[in-house]
Protein backbone atom coordinates (compact mmCIF):
# COMPACT_ATOMS: atom_id res chain seq x y z
CA UNK A 1 0.00 0.00 0.00
CA UNK A 2 0.96 3.65 -0.35
CA UNK A 3 0.12 6.35 2.19
CA UNK A 4 -0.41 9.81 0.71
CA UNK A 5 0.29 13.01 2.64
CA UNK A 6 -2.43 13.66 5.20
CA UNK A 7 -3.88 10.15 5.04
CA UNK A 8 -4.25 7.79 7.98
CA UNK A 9 -4.21 4.00 7.60
CA UNK A 10 -7.70 2.51 8.04
CA UNK A 11 -8.84 6.07 8.94
CA UNK A 12 -7.44 5.45 12.45
CA UNK A 13 -6.15 8.38 14.49
CA UNK A 14 -4.70 8.65 17.98
CA UNK A 15 -6.64 10.92 20.27
CA UNK A 16 -4.74 13.74 21.92
CA UNK A 17 -5.76 16.69 24.05
CA UNK A 18 -3.95 19.25 21.88
CA UNK A 19 -6.15 18.30 18.90
CA UNK A 20 -3.05 17.99 16.76
CA UNK A 21 -3.45 15.38 14.02
CA UNK A 22 -1.78 12.01 14.57
CA UNK A 23 -2.02 9.90 11.42
CA UNK A 24 -1.40 6.16 11.45
CA UNK A 25 1.06 5.24 8.67
CA UNK A 26 1.84 1.60 9.52
CA UNK A 27 -0.58 -0.44 11.59
CA UNK A 28 0.01 -3.44 13.80
CA UNK A 29 -2.38 -5.14 11.35
CA UNK A 30 0.19 -4.57 8.58
CA UNK A 31 3.16 -5.88 10.58
CA UNK A 32 1.68 -8.79 12.52
CA UNK A 33 1.92 -6.64 15.65
CA UNK A 34 5.63 -5.97 15.26
CA UNK A 35 5.62 -2.22 14.53
CA UNK A 36 3.43 0.84 14.16
CA UNK A 37 4.34 4.24 12.73
CA UNK A 38 2.57 7.55 13.33
CA UNK A 39 2.87 11.05 11.88
CA UNK A 40 2.35 13.72 14.56
CA UNK A 41 1.56 17.23 13.33
CA UNK A 42 1.96 19.59 16.28
CA UNK A 43 -0.18 22.70 16.15
CA UNK A 44 0.61 23.95 19.66
CA UNK A 45 3.32 23.86 22.28
CA UNK A 46 3.31 21.17 24.96
CA UNK A 47 3.28 17.39 25.15
CA UNK A 48 2.21 14.36 27.15
CA UNK A 49 2.85 13.75 30.85
CA UNK A 50 5.74 11.56 31.98
CA UNK A 51 4.80 7.95 31.21
CA UNK A 52 6.19 4.43 30.73
CA UNK A 53 5.68 1.81 28.02
CA UNK A 54 6.31 -1.56 29.65
CA UNK A 55 6.34 -3.61 26.45
CA UNK A 56 7.31 -1.20 23.65
CA UNK A 57 10.38 0.70 22.54
CA UNK A 58 9.68 4.07 20.95
CA UNK A 59 11.64 6.02 18.32
CA UNK A 60 10.98 9.66 17.35
CA UNK A 61 12.26 11.39 14.21
CA UNK A 62 11.71 15.16 14.22
CA UNK A 63 10.90 16.65 10.81
CA UNK A 64 9.89 20.17 11.88
CA UNK A 65 10.19 22.35 14.98
CA UNK A 66 12.05 21.91 18.25
CA UNK A 67 11.33 19.45 21.06
CA UNK A 68 12.63 18.72 24.52
CA UNK A 69 12.66 15.02 25.42
CA UNK A 70 13.16 13.44 28.81
CA UNK A 71 14.24 9.80 29.21
CA UNK A 72 14.69 8.85 32.85
CA UNK A 73 16.60 11.77 34.38
CA UNK A 74 18.26 12.83 31.10
CA UNK A 75 16.99 15.65 28.86
CA UNK A 76 17.66 16.10 25.17
CA UNK A 77 16.92 18.96 22.78
CA UNK A 78 15.93 17.77 19.29
CA UNK A 79 15.40 19.68 16.05
CA UNK A 80 14.49 18.74 12.48
CA UNK A 81 16.56 15.78 11.34
CA UNK A 82 17.23 14.45 14.88
CA UNK A 83 16.20 11.01 16.16
CA UNK A 84 15.80 9.67 19.69
CA UNK A 85 15.36 6.08 20.91
CA UNK A 86 13.32 5.63 24.11
CA UNK A 87 13.61 2.09 25.50
CA UNK A 88 10.72 0.31 27.16
CA UNK A 89 10.38 0.55 30.95
CA UNK A 90 12.10 3.97 31.06
CA UNK A 91 9.87 6.91 32.10
CA UNK A 92 9.81 9.48 29.31
CA UNK A 93 8.04 12.48 27.87
CA UNK A 94 8.48 15.23 25.32
CA UNK A 95 7.46 18.86 24.93
CA UNK A 96 7.04 20.75 21.68
CA UNK A 97 8.84 24.09 22.16
CA UNK A 98 7.79 25.76 18.89
CA UNK A 99 4.31 26.76 17.73
CA UNK A 100 4.51 24.25 14.86
CA UNK A 101 6.21 20.88 14.89
CA UNK A 102 6.12 17.51 13.25
CA UNK A 103 7.50 14.07 14.11
CA UNK A 104 7.32 10.52 12.97
CA UNK A 105 7.20 8.07 15.84
CA UNK A 106 7.52 4.32 15.86
CA UNK A 107 6.41 1.70 18.39
CA UNK A 108 8.12 -1.68 18.44
CA UNK A 109 6.28 -3.95 18.95
CA UNK A 110 3.08 -2.19 17.93
């Protein structure tokens, strides 16, 4: 299959309080549960609370804007072109620092 700009696989979207679009690009249905990929289009500053994924690793690739990530006690500033790996069982969060931002993020397994 091919995903066109602005499309979301199976018309599925993640819900988020900022009402920024999160399009599903690769579903667990496509990968036998091994991976999922999302396109986050940030329309406002902020991000999720500190949280933990017990069974999934997460990778973020920033394509627009600036973000501050926290993994455990460490903090990292990321800009367009930067990637961060967040291993499972490590508390983490991120904050969009610019008015506009965009990231691809991957869950493994989905």
